[in-house]
Amino acid sequence: MLIVTYDFEDDKKRTKFSKFLEQYGRRIQYSIFEIKNSERVLTNILTEIEGKYKSTFTGADSIIVFQVCGNCENKMLKYGYSENDDKDFLVFS
Protein backbone atom coordinates (compact mmCIF):
# COMPACT_ATOMS: atom_id res chain seq x y z
CA MET A 1 0.00 0.00 0.00
CA LEU A 2 1.08 3.57 -0.67
CA ILE A 3 0.01 6.74 1.09
CA VAL A 4 0.62 9.70 -1.22
CA THR A 5 0.46 13.29 0.00
CA TYR A 6 1.01 16.25 -2.27
CA ASP A 7 0.90 20.00 -2.53
CA PHE A 8 1.35 21.99 -5.72
CA GLU A 9 1.40 25.74 -5.94
CA ASP A 10 -0.24 25.64 -9.38
CA ASP A 11 -3.96 24.73 -9.26
CA LYS A 12 -3.93 23.14 -12.71
CA LYS A 13 -0.99 20.86 -11.84
CA ARG A 14 -2.59 19.95 -8.48
CA THR A 15 -5.87 19.01 -10.19
CA LYS A 16 -4.08 16.97 -12.87
CA PHE A 17 -2.11 15.06 -10.22
CA SER A 18 -5.19 14.32 -8.12
CA LYS A 19 -7.05 12.99 -11.19
CA PHE A 20 -4.04 10.79 -11.94
CA LEU A 21 -4.13 9.34 -8.41
CA GLU A 22 -7.91 8.82 -8.52
CA GLN A 23 -7.33 6.17 -11.20
CA TYR A 24 -5.47 4.01 -8.68
CA GLY A 25 -6.73 4.72 -5.20
CA ARG A 26 -9.06 6.64 -3.01
CA ARG A 27 -8.83 10.07 -1.49
CA ILE A 28 -8.68 9.87 2.30
CA GLN A 29 -8.22 13.61 2.80
CA TYR A 30 -8.01 16.55 0.44
CA SER A 31 -4.41 16.00 -0.69
CA ILE A 32 -3.87 12.46 0.61
CA PHE A 33 -4.54 9.24 -1.27
CA GLU A 34 -4.43 5.60 -0.18
CA ILE A 35 -3.45 3.24 -2.97
CA LYS A 36 -3.86 -0.50 -2.46
CA ASN A 37 -2.91 -2.55 -5.48
CA SER A 38 -0.36 -4.85 -7.03
CA GLU A 39 3.35 -4.18 -6.87
CA ARG A 40 3.31 -3.46 -10.61
CA VAL A 41 0.70 -0.69 -10.26
CA LEU A 42 2.61 0.80 -7.35
CA THR A 43 5.80 0.80 -9.44
CA ASN A 44 3.94 2.47 -12.33
CA ILE A 45 2.76 5.26 -10.04
CA LEU A 46 6.25 5.89 -8.70
CA THR A 47 7.65 5.87 -12.25
CA GLU A 48 5.02 8.42 -13.35
CA ILE A 49 5.87 10.70 -10.44
CA GLU A 50 9.61 10.46 -11.20
CA GLY A 51 9.22 10.90 -14.95
CA LYS A 52 6.42 13.41 -15.28
CA TYR A 53 6.01 15.47 -12.11
CA LYS A 54 9.39 15.64 -10.38
CA SER A 55 10.97 17.67 -13.19
CA THR A 56 8.21 20.31 -13.00
CA PHE A 57 8.56 21.09 -9.29
CA THR A 58 8.90 24.63 -8.06
CA GLY A 59 10.23 25.45 -4.61
CA ALA A 60 6.67 25.26 -3.23
CA ASP A 61 5.70 21.86 -4.71
CA SER A 62 6.01 18.52 -2.94
CA ILE A 63 4.95 14.90 -3.12
CA ILE A 64 5.59 12.51 -0.25
CA VAL A 65 5.08 8.78 -0.79
CA PHE A 66 4.86 6.45 2.19
CA GLN A 67 5.22 2.78 1.35
CA VAL A 68 3.31 0.83 3.99
CA CYS A 69 4.13 -2.85 4.43
CA GLY A 70 1.46 -5.40 5.32
CA ASN A 71 2.50 -5.63 8.95
CA CYS A 72 2.47 -1.86 9.35
CA GLU A 73 -0.88 -1.62 7.57
CA ASN A 74 -2.36 -3.89 10.24
CA LYS A 75 -1.03 -1.53 12.92
CA MET A 76 -2.69 1.58 11.51
CA LEU A 77 -5.09 3.24 13.90
CA LYS A 78 -8.19 4.80 12.40
CA TYR A 79 -10.78 6.95 14.12
CA GLY A 80 -14.03 8.58 13.06
CA TYR A 81 -15.22 8.08 9.50
CA SER A 82 -12.06 6.27 8.40
CA GLU A 83 -12.56 3.68 11.14
CA ASN A 84 -15.35 2.07 9.07
CA ASP A 85 -13.62 2.18 5.68
CA ASP A 86 -12.22 -1.34 5.86
CA LYS A 87 -15.25 -3.00 7.44
CA ASP A 88 -17.60 -5.15 5.40
CA PHE A 89 -21.25 -4.23 5.41
CA LEU A 90 -24.50 -5.52 3.95
CA VAL A 91 -27.13 -3.49 2.15
CA PHE A 92 -30.71 -4.72 2.15
CA SER A 93 -33.21 -3.34 -0.30
C-alpha atoms as a PDB file:
ATOM      1  CA  MET A   1       0.000   0.000   0.000  1.00  0.00           C
ATOM      2  CA  LEU A   2       1.076   3.572  -0.666  1.00  0.00           C
ATOM      3  CA  ILE A   3       0.014   6.736   1.094  1.00  0.00           C
ATOM      4  CA  VAL A   4       0.624   9.695  -1.224  1.00  0.00           C
ATOM      5  CA  THR A   5       0.458  13.289   0.004  1.00  0.00           C
ATOM      6  CA  TYR A   6       1.005  16.250  -2.265  1.00  0.00           C
ATOM      7  CA  ASP A   7       0.896  20.003  -2.527  1.00  0.00           C
ATOM      8  CA  PHE A   8       1.350  21.990  -5.725  1.00  0.00           C
ATOM      9  CA  GLU A   9       1.395  25.739  -5.943  1.00  0.00           C
ATOM     10  CA  ASP A  10      -0.244  25.640  -9.384  1.00  0.00           C
ATOM     11  CA  ASP A  11      -3.963  24.732  -9.258  1.00  0.00           C
ATOM     12  CA  LYS A  12      -3.926  23.142 -12.713  1.00  0.00           C
ATOM     13  CA  LYS A  13      -0.994  20.861 -11.843  1.00  0.00           C
ATOM     14  CA  ARG A  14      -2.586  19.950  -8.485  1.00  0.00           C
ATOM     15  CA  THR A  15      -5.868  19.011 -10.192  1.00  0.00           C
ATOM     16  CA  LYS A  16      -4.085  16.973 -12.867  1.00  0.00           C
ATOM     17  CA  PHE A  17      -2.111  15.056 -10.222  1.00  0.00           C
ATOM     18  CA  SER A  18      -5.193  14.322  -8.116  1.00  0.00           C
ATOM     19  CA  LYS A  19      -7.049  12.988 -11.186  1.00  0.00           C
ATOM     20  CA  PHE A  20      -4.035  10.792 -11.937  1.00  0.00           C
ATOM     21  CA  LEU A  21      -4.129   9.335  -8.408  1.00  0.00           C
ATOM     22  CA  GLU A  22      -7.909   8.819  -8.524  1.00  0.00           C
ATOM     23  CA  GLN A  23      -7.328   6.165 -11.197  1.00  0.00           C
ATOM     24  CA  TYR A  24      -5.469   4.015  -8.683  1.00  0.00           C
ATOM     25  CA  GLY A  25      -6.725   4.721  -5.199  1.00  0.00           C
ATOM     26  CA  ARG A  26      -9.059   6.639  -3.009  1.00  0.00           C
ATOM     27  CA  ARG A  27      -8.829  10.069  -1.486  1.00  0.00           C
ATOM     28  CA  ILE A  28      -8.683   9.866   2.300  1.00  0.00           C
ATOM     29  CA  GLN A  29      -8.224  13.608   2.798  1.00  0.00           C
ATOM     30  CA  TYR A  30      -8.010  16.554   0.443  1.00  0.00           C
ATOM     31  CA  SER A  31      -4.409  15.998  -0.693  1.00  0.00           C
ATOM     32  CA  ILE A  32      -3.872  12.464   0.612  1.00  0.00           C
ATOM     33  CA  PHE A  33      -4.542   9.236  -1.274  1.00  0.00           C
ATOM     34  CA  GLU A  34      -4.433   5.604  -0.183  1.00  0.00           C
ATOM     35  CA  ILE A  35      -3.451   3.235  -2.965  1.00  0.00           C
ATOM     36  CA  LYS A  36      -3.861  -0.501  -2.465  1.00  0.00           C
ATOM     37  CA  ASN A  37      -2.912  -2.551  -5.476  1.00  0.00           C
ATOM     38  CA  SER A  38      -0.360  -4.854  -7.031  1.00  0.00           C
ATOM     39  CA  GLU A  39       3.351  -4.180  -6.872  1.00  0.00           C
ATOM     40  CA  ARG A  40       3.306  -3.459 -10.608  1.00  0.00           C
ATOM     41  CA  VAL A  41       0.701  -0.693 -10.256  1.00  0.00           C
ATOM     42  CA  LEU A  42       2.614   0.805  -7.352  1.00  0.00           C
ATOM     43  CA  THR A  43       5.798   0.798  -9.444  1.00  0.00           C
ATOM     44  CA  ASN A  44       3.942   2.473 -12.331  1.00  0.00           C
ATOM     45  CA  ILE A  45       2.758   5.257 -10.040  1.00  0.00           C
ATOM     46  CA  LEU A  46       6.246   5.891  -8.701  1.00  0.00           C
ATOM     47  CA  THR A  47       7.645   5.873 -12.248  1.00  0.00           C
ATOM     48  CA  GLU A  48       5.022   8.417 -13.354  1.00  0.00           C
ATOM     49  CA  ILE A  49       5.871  10.702 -10.441  1.00  0.00           C
ATOM     50  CA  GLU A  50       9.606  10.463 -11.198  1.00  0.00           C
ATOM     51  CA  GLY A  51       9.225  10.901 -14.951  1.00  0.00           C
ATOM     52  CA  LYS A  52       6.422  13.413 -15.277  1.00  0.00           C
ATOM     53  CA  TYR A  53       6.015  15.466 -12.111  1.00  0.00           C
ATOM     54  CA  LYS A  54       9.391  15.644 -10.378  1.00  0.00           C
ATOM     55  CA  SER A  55      10.966  17.672 -13.186  1.00  0.00           C
ATOM     56  CA  THR A  56       8.208  20.309 -12.999  1.00  0.00           C
ATOM     57  CA  PHE A  57       8.560  21.093  -9.286  1.00  0.00           C
ATOM     58  CA  THR A  58       8.903  24.633  -8.059  1.00  0.00           C
ATOM     59  CA  GLY A  59      10.231  25.453  -4.610  1.00  0.00           C
ATOM     60  CA  ALA A  60       6.673  25.261  -3.229  1.00  0.00           C
ATOM     61  CA  ASP A  61       5.697  21.863  -4.705  1.00  0.00           C
ATOM     62  CA  SER A  62       6.010  18.522  -2.945  1.00  0.00           C
ATOM     63  CA  ILE A  63       4.952  14.903  -3.117  1.00  0.00           C
ATOM     64  CA  ILE A  64       5.592  12.514  -0.251  1.00  0.00           C
ATOM     65  CA  VAL A  65       5.083   8.782  -0.794  1.00  0.00           C
ATOM     66  CA  PHE A  66       4.863   6.451   2.187  1.00  0.00           C
ATOM     67  CA  GLN A  67       5.225   2.776   1.350  1.00  0.00           C
ATOM     68  CA  VAL A  68       3.314   0.831   3.990  1.00  0.00           C
ATOM     69  CA  CYS A  69       4.131  -2.852   4.433  1.00  0.00           C
ATOM     70  CA  GLY A  70       1.460  -5.401   5.317  1.00  0.00           C
ATOM     71  CA  ASN A  71       2.501  -5.631   8.955  1.00  0.00           C
ATOM     72  CA  CYS A  72       2.470  -1.859   9.349  1.00  0.00           C
ATOM     73  CA  GLU A  73      -0.877  -1.622   7.568  1.00  0.00           C
ATOM     74  CA  ASN A  74      -2.356  -3.894  10.240  1.00  0.00           C
ATOM     75  CA  LYS A  75      -1.034  -1.529  12.922  1.00  0.00           C
ATOM     76  CA  MET A  76      -2.687   1.585  11.509  1.00  0.00           C
ATOM     77  CA  LEU A  77      -5.089   3.244  13.905  1.00  0.00           C
ATOM     78  CA  LYS A  78      -8.194   4.804  12.401  1.00  0.00           C
ATOM     79  CA  TYR A  79     -10.785   6.953  14.121  1.00  0.00           C
ATOM     80  CA  GLY A  80     -14.030   8.577  13.056  1.00  0.00           C
ATOM     81  CA  TYR A  81     -15.224   8.084   9.500  1.00  0.00           C
ATOM     82  CA  SER A  82     -12.063   6.265   8.397  1.00  0.00           C
ATOM     83  CA  GLU A  83     -12.560   3.684  11.138  1.00  0.00           C
ATOM     84  CA  ASN A  84     -15.351   2.065   9.073  1.00  0.00           C
ATOM     85  CA  ASP A  85     -13.618   2.183   5.681  1.00  0.00           C
ATOM     86  CA  ASP A  86     -12.222  -1.345   5.859  1.00  0.00           C
ATOM     87  CA  LYS A  87     -15.254  -3.003   7.435  1.00  0.00           C
ATOM     88  CA  ASP A  88     -17.596  -5.154   5.405  1.00  0.00           C
ATOM     89  CA  PHE A  89     -21.255  -4.230   5.410  1.00  0.00           C
ATOM     90  CA  LEU A  90     -24.503  -5.518   3.954  1.00  0.00           C
ATOM     91  CA  VAL A  91     -27.130  -3.493   2.153  1.00  0.00           C
ATOM     92  CA  PHE A  92     -30.706  -4.718   2.149  1.00  0.00           C
ATOM     93  CA  SER A  93     -33.213  -3.338  -0.296  1.00  0.00           C
END
